[in-house]
Amino acid sequence: MLMGEFQHNMDAKGRVTIPARFREDLGDHFYVTKGLDGCLFVLSPAQWDQLLERMAALPLSRARTLQRFFFSGASEAEPDKQGRILIPPHLREYAGLAKDVTVIGAATRAEIWATEKWNEYNEGQSQESILEAMELLDF
């Protein structure tokens, strides 16, 4: 399970360090794509395949928007010896990544956020909105 929050700096070449703990779960290569709320999703090959299967099961009329969103800008990533991956320019632009980056664990995926956006997102969350979401879990 991917969990935790890690602060990193993106270098001038657009490389971001993926925490070692996450690399253990994600494997030797994984996929980076546009995520929701202005972040990037990082998916293991198993999660990627599951996403493909679920979309293939939908009628094209319902799946095409999701297919375009997730697959058009997706990139396969393989960490270097320092655990860094190269984020392509179009994904850096989508997520507003510049220097300060936060990598978080979100159970089955990792997310890469511009630290400023991550902080804004967290400030926008209230106890009431979290409670409402937890009711979906019957928790």
Protein backbone atom coordinates (compact mmCIF):
# COMPACT_ATOMS: atom_id res chain seq x y z
CA MET A 1 0.00 0.00 0.00
CA LEU A 2 1.29 3.43 -0.91
CA MET A 3 1.06 5.93 1.93
CA GLY A 4 2.90 8.94 3.24
CA GLU A 5 3.88 12.39 2.05
CA PHE A 6 7.35 13.31 0.78
CA GLN A 7 8.79 16.69 -0.19
CA HIS A 8 11.23 16.79 -3.09
CA ASN A 9 12.70 19.25 -5.56
CA MET A 10 12.35 18.75 -9.28
CA ASP A 11 15.68 19.33 -11.01
CA ALA A 12 16.25 21.49 -14.08
CA LYS A 13 15.82 18.47 -16.37
CA GLY A 14 12.36 17.69 -14.95
CA ARG A 15 13.38 14.73 -12.80
CA VAL A 16 11.56 13.93 -9.56
CA THR A 17 12.60 11.43 -6.91
CA ILE A 18 10.07 8.70 -6.19
CA PRO A 19 10.46 7.55 -2.57
CA ALA A 20 12.17 4.16 -2.19
CA ARG A 21 9.18 2.83 -0.26
CA PHE A 22 6.95 3.65 -3.25
CA ARG A 23 9.37 2.15 -5.78
CA GLU A 24 9.14 -1.16 -3.90
CA ASP A 25 5.38 -1.26 -4.53
CA LEU A 26 5.39 0.30 -8.01
CA GLY A 27 8.14 -1.92 -9.44
CA ASP A 28 11.00 -1.32 -11.86
CA HIS A 29 8.82 0.64 -14.25
CA PHE A 30 5.44 2.28 -13.92
CA TYR A 31 3.12 4.77 -15.58
CA VAL A 32 2.64 8.49 -15.04
CA THR A 33 -0.46 10.20 -16.36
CA LYS A 34 -2.72 13.17 -15.76
CA GLY A 35 -4.61 12.83 -12.52
CA LEU A 36 -7.50 14.60 -10.92
CA ASP A 37 -7.39 17.90 -9.02
CA GLY A 38 -4.31 19.02 -10.97
CA CYS A 39 -1.88 16.30 -9.90
CA LEU A 40 -0.24 13.39 -11.71
CA PHE A 41 -1.15 9.77 -11.03
CA VAL A 42 1.63 7.18 -10.78
CA LEU A 43 0.37 3.64 -11.38
CA SER A 44 2.06 0.25 -11.16
CA PRO A 45 1.78 -2.01 -14.22
CA ALA A 46 -0.93 -4.02 -12.40
CA GLN A 47 -2.98 -0.87 -11.68
CA TRP A 48 -2.43 0.32 -15.25
CA ASP A 49 -3.68 -2.99 -16.64
CA GLN A 50 -6.69 -2.84 -14.35
CA LEU A 51 -7.49 0.66 -15.64
CA LEU A 52 -7.21 -0.61 -19.23
CA GLU A 53 -9.50 -3.56 -18.52
CA ARG A 54 -12.14 -1.43 -16.84
CA MET A 55 -12.18 1.06 -19.69
CA ALA A 56 -12.32 -1.70 -22.30
CA ALA A 57 -15.44 -3.03 -20.58
CA LEU A 58 -17.25 0.28 -21.07
CA PRO A 59 -19.03 1.23 -24.29
CA LEU A 60 -16.89 3.58 -26.38
CA SER A 61 -19.52 6.28 -26.05
CA ARG A 62 -18.87 6.35 -22.28
CA ALA A 63 -15.16 5.50 -22.22
CA ARG A 64 -13.74 7.78 -24.88
CA THR A 65 -13.43 10.86 -22.66
CA LEU A 66 -11.62 8.88 -19.97
CA GLN A 67 -9.41 7.13 -22.52
CA ARG A 68 -8.38 10.46 -24.02
CA PHE A 69 -7.72 11.99 -20.62
CA PHE A 70 -5.66 9.19 -19.10
CA PHE A 71 -3.88 7.70 -22.12
CA SER A 72 -3.13 10.62 -24.44
CA GLY A 73 -0.50 12.11 -22.19
CA ALA A 74 0.62 9.01 -20.32
CA SER A 75 4.28 8.14 -20.03
CA GLU A 76 6.14 5.03 -18.96
CA ALA A 77 8.73 5.76 -16.28
CA GLU A 78 11.78 3.86 -15.11
CA PRO A 79 13.68 5.26 -12.12
CA ASP A 80 17.40 5.89 -12.46
CA LYS A 81 19.88 4.75 -9.80
CA GLN A 82 18.96 7.72 -7.59
CA GLY A 83 15.25 6.86 -7.82
CA ARG A 84 14.40 9.78 -10.10
CA ILE A 85 12.00 9.70 -13.01
CA LEU A 86 11.76 12.17 -15.86
CA ILE A 87 8.41 13.94 -16.02
CA PRO A 88 7.67 14.90 -19.65
CA PRO A 89 7.13 18.62 -20.27
CA HIS A 90 3.41 18.27 -21.09
CA LEU A 91 2.77 16.50 -17.76
CA ARG A 92 4.86 19.09 -15.86
CA GLU A 93 2.75 21.80 -17.44
CA TYR A 94 -0.53 20.01 -16.67
CA ALA A 95 0.35 19.65 -12.97
CA GLY A 96 2.07 23.04 -12.68
CA LEU A 97 5.31 21.42 -11.54
CA ALA A 98 8.24 23.78 -11.20
CA LYS A 99 10.61 23.22 -8.28
CA ASP A 100 8.89 22.18 -5.06
CA VAL A 101 7.10 18.86 -5.47
CA THR A 102 5.14 16.70 -3.05
CA VAL A 103 4.80 12.97 -3.71
CA ILE A 104 2.01 11.29 -1.76
CA GLY A 105 0.73 7.78 -1.37
CA ALA A 106 -2.97 7.30 -2.11
CA ALA A 107 -3.37 3.57 -1.31
CA THR A 108 -3.14 2.00 -4.78
CA ARG A 109 -1.37 4.85 -6.57
CA ALA A 110 1.11 7.61 -5.90
CA GLU A 111 0.37 11.21 -6.78
CA ILE A 112 2.80 13.95 -7.74
CA TRP A 113 1.73 17.47 -6.81
CA ALA A 114 3.19 20.95 -7.09
CA THR A 115 3.68 21.59 -3.36
CA GLU A 116 1.75 24.86 -3.51
CA LYS A 117 -1.25 23.11 -5.12
CA TRP A 118 -1.07 20.29 -2.55
CA ASN A 119 -1.13 22.81 0.29
CA GLU A 120 -4.07 24.67 -1.28
CA TYR A 121 -5.94 21.41 -1.76
CA ASN A 122 -5.46 20.48 1.90
CA GLU A 123 -6.51 23.93 3.10
CA GLY A 124 -9.73 23.51 1.11
CA GLN A 125 -10.68 20.32 2.91
CA SER A 126 -12.95 20.58 5.91
CA GLN A 127 -13.83 18.09 8.60
CA GLU A 128 -17.37 18.08 7.20
CA SER A 129 -16.24 17.16 3.69
CA ILE A 130 -14.07 14.34 5.06
CA LEU A 131 -16.94 13.09 7.21
CA GLU A 132 -19.27 13.15 4.21
CA ALA A 133 -16.77 11.13 2.17
CA MET A 134 -16.31 8.63 5.01
CA GLU A 135 -20.05 8.00 5.07
CA LEU A 136 -19.62 6.40 1.62
CA LEU A 137 -17.45 3.81 3.37
CA ASP A 138 -20.01 3.26 6.08
CA PHE A 139 -17.12 3.87 8.50
